[in-house]
Amino acid sequence: MIRSFLTVITTALSLLLVDLAVPGVDIATFPVALIAAISIGVVNAVIKPTLLKLSLPLNYSTLGLSSIVVNGVCFWLAAILVPGFRLHGILAAILGPIVLSFVNTFLSNYLAERYPQLKGQENISLPEQTNEPGVQQ
């Protein structure tokens, strides 16, 4: 639960940085960025797999470059769904997800290194087990 919340917060912060870095991406406020982060996650989980399957022959012939277009379409769909999140032009739709992935990866890795206890269950240390007689566990 906390990991999902942190993922949304990280993506929202990344979207605000994309707003500053990519011309044509406009995000009105931080709450709009939060809703846009959730919208991008839903579009990527529901619609993107279908688009990737439909574009598979084109993706194969372009050696994967059409995936950039699919990412741009998903970014554009998320912008349509969220008031206050607008894209102006195809350059914003194509560059936005690229910059978003770089910034989001950087922020996620930074937070993972800075706060390793937030990674999840794999960092919880279990008590050591001993096989000594007389030691109760």
C-alpha atoms as a PDB file:
ATOM      1  CA  MET A   1       0.000   0.000   0.000  1.00  0.00           C
ATOM      2  CA  ILE A   2       2.739   2.426   0.939  1.00  0.00           C
ATOM      3  CA  ARG A   3       4.761   1.420  -2.117  1.00  0.00           C
ATOM      4  CA  SER A   4       1.827   2.213  -4.409  1.00  0.00           C
ATOM      5  CA  PHE A   5       1.352   5.564  -2.724  1.00  0.00           C
ATOM      6  CA  LEU A   6       5.062   6.376  -3.085  1.00  0.00           C
ATOM      7  CA  THR A   7       4.968   5.336  -6.737  1.00  0.00           C
ATOM      8  CA  VAL A   8       2.104   7.751  -7.388  1.00  0.00           C
ATOM      9  CA  ILE A   9       3.901  10.552  -5.507  1.00  0.00           C
ATOM     10  CA  THR A  10       7.143   9.886  -7.410  1.00  0.00           C
ATOM     11  CA  THR A  11       5.336   9.863 -10.745  1.00  0.00           C
ATOM     12  CA  ALA A  12       3.500  13.086  -9.853  1.00  0.00           C
ATOM     13  CA  LEU A  13       6.796  14.798  -8.978  1.00  0.00           C
ATOM     14  CA  SER A  14       8.284  13.465 -12.210  1.00  0.00           C
ATOM     15  CA  LEU A  15       5.333  14.880 -14.145  1.00  0.00           C
ATOM     16  CA  LEU A  16       5.941  18.295 -12.629  1.00  0.00           C
ATOM     17  CA  LEU A  17       9.567  18.100 -13.772  1.00  0.00           C
ATOM     18  CA  VAL A  18       8.408  17.018 -17.235  1.00  0.00           C
ATOM     19  CA  ASP A  19       6.160  20.086 -17.228  1.00  0.00           C
ATOM     20  CA  LEU A  20       9.254  22.232 -16.694  1.00  0.00           C
ATOM     21  CA  ALA A  21      11.513  20.386 -19.136  1.00  0.00           C
ATOM     22  CA  VAL A  22       9.306  19.551 -22.126  1.00  0.00           C
ATOM     23  CA  PRO A  23       7.680  22.349 -24.087  1.00  0.00           C
ATOM     24  CA  GLY A  24       4.017  21.651 -24.695  1.00  0.00           C
ATOM     25  CA  VAL A  25       3.324  19.698 -21.501  1.00  0.00           C
ATOM     26  CA  ASP A  26       1.156  21.735 -19.146  1.00  0.00           C
ATOM     27  CA  ILE A  27       0.180  20.557 -15.663  1.00  0.00           C
ATOM     28  CA  ALA A  28      -1.816  23.077 -13.658  1.00  0.00           C
ATOM     29  CA  THR A  29      -1.208  22.047 -10.026  1.00  0.00           C
ATOM     30  CA  PHE A  30       0.221  19.281  -7.870  1.00  0.00           C
ATOM     31  CA  PRO A  31      -3.211  17.654  -7.288  1.00  0.00           C
ATOM     32  CA  VAL A  32      -3.633  17.542 -11.072  1.00  0.00           C
ATOM     33  CA  ALA A  33      -0.221  15.858 -11.272  1.00  0.00           C
ATOM     34  CA  LEU A  34      -1.382  13.256  -8.710  1.00  0.00           C
ATOM     35  CA  ILE A  35      -4.517  12.498 -10.710  1.00  0.00           C
ATOM     36  CA  ALA A  36      -2.459  12.410 -13.915  1.00  0.00           C
ATOM     37  CA  ALA A  37      -0.032   9.930 -12.324  1.00  0.00           C
ATOM     38  CA  ILE A  38      -2.930   7.631 -11.435  1.00  0.00           C
ATOM     39  CA  SER A  39      -4.395   8.099 -14.909  1.00  0.00           C
ATOM     40  CA  ILE A  40      -1.082   7.227 -16.573  1.00  0.00           C
ATOM     41  CA  GLY A  41      -0.840   4.099 -14.419  1.00  0.00           C
ATOM     42  CA  VAL A  42      -4.358   2.986 -15.356  1.00  0.00           C
ATOM     43  CA  VAL A  43      -3.859   3.706 -19.069  1.00  0.00           C
ATOM     44  CA  ASN A  44      -0.527   1.856 -19.038  1.00  0.00           C
ATOM     45  CA  ALA A  45      -2.088  -1.124 -17.258  1.00  0.00           C
ATOM     46  CA  VAL A  46      -5.307  -1.375 -19.273  1.00  0.00           C
ATOM     47  CA  ILE A  47      -4.876   0.131 -22.737  1.00  0.00           C
ATOM     48  CA  LYS A  48      -1.140  -0.069 -23.443  1.00  0.00           C
ATOM     49  CA  PRO A  49      -0.912  -3.896 -23.619  1.00  0.00           C
ATOM     50  CA  THR A  50      -3.665  -3.952 -26.254  1.00  0.00           C
ATOM     51  CA  LEU A  51      -1.991  -1.200 -28.271  1.00  0.00           C
ATOM     52  CA  LEU A  52       1.333  -3.017 -28.102  1.00  0.00           C
ATOM     53  CA  LYS A  53      -0.254  -6.244 -29.364  1.00  0.00           C
ATOM     54  CA  LEU A  54      -2.011  -4.422 -32.197  1.00  0.00           C
ATOM     55  CA  SER A  55       1.192  -2.646 -33.216  1.00  0.00           C
ATOM     56  CA  LEU A  56       3.376  -5.751 -32.956  1.00  0.00           C
ATOM     57  CA  PRO A  57       3.973  -6.152 -36.728  1.00  0.00           C
ATOM     58  CA  LEU A  58       4.893  -2.479 -37.035  1.00  0.00           C
ATOM     59  CA  ASN A  59       6.998  -2.717 -33.891  1.00  0.00           C
ATOM     60  CA  TYR A  60       8.826  -5.699 -35.342  1.00  0.00           C
ATOM     61  CA  SER A  61       9.530  -3.979 -38.656  1.00  0.00           C
ATOM     62  CA  THR A  62      10.717  -0.742 -37.009  1.00  0.00           C
ATOM     63  CA  LEU A  63      12.894  -2.592 -34.501  1.00  0.00           C
ATOM     64  CA  GLY A  64      10.885  -1.339 -31.550  1.00  0.00           C
ATOM     65  CA  LEU A  65      10.710   2.333 -32.480  1.00  0.00           C
ATOM     66  CA  SER A  66       6.925   2.248 -32.796  1.00  0.00           C
ATOM     67  CA  SER A  67       6.815   1.613 -29.029  1.00  0.00           C
ATOM     68  CA  ILE A  68       7.707   5.271 -28.622  1.00  0.00           C
ATOM     69  CA  VAL A  69       4.581   6.176 -30.550  1.00  0.00           C
ATOM     70  CA  VAL A  70       2.486   3.809 -28.402  1.00  0.00           C
ATOM     71  CA  ASN A  71       3.903   5.468 -25.267  1.00  0.00           C
ATOM     72  CA  GLY A  72       3.029   8.854 -26.740  1.00  0.00           C
ATOM     73  CA  VAL A  73      -0.536   7.738 -27.472  1.00  0.00           C
ATOM     74  CA  CYS A  74      -0.939   6.461 -23.899  1.00  0.00           C
ATOM     75  CA  PHE A  75       0.448   9.736 -22.529  1.00  0.00           C
ATOM     76  CA  TRP A  76      -1.975  11.642 -24.758  1.00  0.00           C
ATOM     77  CA  LEU A  77      -4.921   9.482 -23.597  1.00  0.00           C
ATOM     78  CA  ALA A  78      -4.029  10.188 -19.982  1.00  0.00           C
ATOM     79  CA  ALA A  79      -3.911  13.912 -20.775  1.00  0.00           C
ATOM     80  CA  ILE A  80      -7.392  13.708 -22.305  1.00  0.00           C
ATOM     81  CA  LEU A  81      -8.786  12.070 -19.170  1.00  0.00           C
ATOM     82  CA  VAL A  82      -7.415  14.617 -16.678  1.00  0.00           C
ATOM     83  CA  PRO A  83      -8.563  18.243 -16.692  1.00  0.00           C
ATOM     84  CA  GLY A  84      -5.600  20.528 -16.102  1.00  0.00           C
ATOM     85  CA  PHE A  85      -3.149  18.178 -17.856  1.00  0.00           C
ATOM     86  CA  ARG A  86      -2.687  19.260 -21.466  1.00  0.00           C
ATOM     87  CA  LEU A  87      -0.377  18.375 -24.322  1.00  0.00           C
ATOM     88  CA  HIS A  88       0.296  20.839 -27.121  1.00  0.00           C
ATOM     89  CA  GLY A  89       1.723  19.111 -30.170  1.00  0.00           C
ATOM     90  CA  ILE A  90       3.153  15.783 -31.141  1.00  0.00           C
ATOM     91  CA  LEU A  91       6.595  16.660 -29.773  1.00  0.00           C
ATOM     92  CA  ALA A  92       5.148  16.903 -26.267  1.00  0.00           C
ATOM     93  CA  ALA A  93       3.362  13.562 -26.704  1.00  0.00           C
ATOM     94  CA  ILE A  94       6.558  11.847 -27.866  1.00  0.00           C
ATOM     95  CA  LEU A  95       9.157  13.531 -25.622  1.00  0.00           C
ATOM     96  CA  GLY A  96       6.954  13.659 -22.510  1.00  0.00           C
ATOM     97  CA  PRO A  97       6.948   9.917 -21.773  1.00  0.00           C
ATOM     98  CA  ILE A  98      10.667   9.620 -22.568  1.00  0.00           C
ATOM     99  CA  VAL A  99      11.609  12.369 -20.117  1.00  0.00           C
ATOM    100  CA  LEU A 100       9.053  11.030 -17.628  1.00  0.00           C
ATOM    101  CA  SER A 101      10.652   7.586 -17.648  1.00  0.00           C
ATOM    102  CA  PHE A 102      14.161   8.991 -17.109  1.00  0.00           C
ATOM    103  CA  VAL A 103      13.102  11.326 -14.295  1.00  0.00           C
ATOM    104  CA  ASN A 104      10.894   8.695 -12.665  1.00  0.00           C
ATOM    105  CA  THR A 105      13.690   6.116 -12.781  1.00  0.00           C
ATOM    106  CA  PHE A 106      16.137   8.587 -11.244  1.00  0.00           C
ATOM    107  CA  LEU A 107      13.740   9.564  -8.439  1.00  0.00           C
ATOM    108  CA  SER A 108      12.772   5.959  -7.727  1.00  0.00           C
ATOM    109  CA  ASN A 109      16.389   4.823  -7.547  1.00  0.00           C
ATOM    110  CA  TYR A 110      17.283   7.797  -5.365  1.00  0.00           C
ATOM    111  CA  LEU A 111      14.471   7.024  -2.925  1.00  0.00           C
ATOM    112  CA  ALA A 112      15.343   3.315  -2.924  1.00  0.00           C
ATOM    113  CA  GLU A 113      18.958   4.072  -2.014  1.00  0.00           C
ATOM    114  CA  ARG A 114      18.102   6.807   0.450  1.00  0.00           C
ATOM    115  CA  TYR A 115      15.317   4.883   2.222  1.00  0.00           C
ATOM    116  CA  PRO A 116      15.993   1.151   1.801  1.00  0.00           C
ATOM    117  CA  GLN A 117      13.315   0.251   4.385  1.00  0.00           C
ATOM    118  CA  LEU A 118      10.686   1.331   1.827  1.00  0.00           C
ATOM    119  CA  LYS A 119      11.682  -1.343  -0.688  1.00  0.00           C
ATOM    120  CA  GLY A 120       9.341  -3.920   0.748  1.00  0.00           C
ATOM    121  CA  GLN A 121       9.348  -7.289   2.418  1.00  0.00           C
ATOM    122  CA  GLU A 122      12.750  -8.397   1.140  1.00  0.00           C
ATOM    123  CA  ASN A 123      14.573  -6.090   3.571  1.00  0.00           C
ATOM    124  CA  ILE A 124      12.908  -7.323   6.741  1.00  0.00           C
ATOM    125  CA  SER A 125      15.477  -9.237   8.752  1.00  0.00           C
ATOM    126  CA  LEU A 126      14.369 -12.490  10.296  1.00  0.00           C
ATOM    127  CA  PRO A 127      15.713 -13.649  13.638  1.00  0.00           C
ATOM    128  CA  GLU A 128      18.634 -16.005  13.371  1.00  0.00           C
ATOM    129  CA  GLN A 129      17.841 -19.618  14.019  1.00  0.00           C
ATOM    130  CA  THR A 130      20.167 -21.650  16.158  1.00  0.00           C
ATOM    131  CA  ASN A 131      20.429 -25.383  16.491  1.00  0.00           C
ATOM    132  CA  GLU A 132      21.909 -25.296  19.971  1.00  0.00           C
ATOM    133  CA  PRO A 133      20.274 -27.573  22.512  1.00  0.00           C
ATOM    134  CA  GLY A 134      18.467 -25.815  25.290  1.00  0.00           C
ATOM    135  CA  VAL A 135      17.782 -22.666  23.288  1.00  0.00           C
ATOM    136  CA  GLN A 136      14.095 -22.136  22.821  1.00  0.00           C
ATOM    137  CA  GLN A 137      12.815 -20.412  19.744  1.00  0.00           C
END
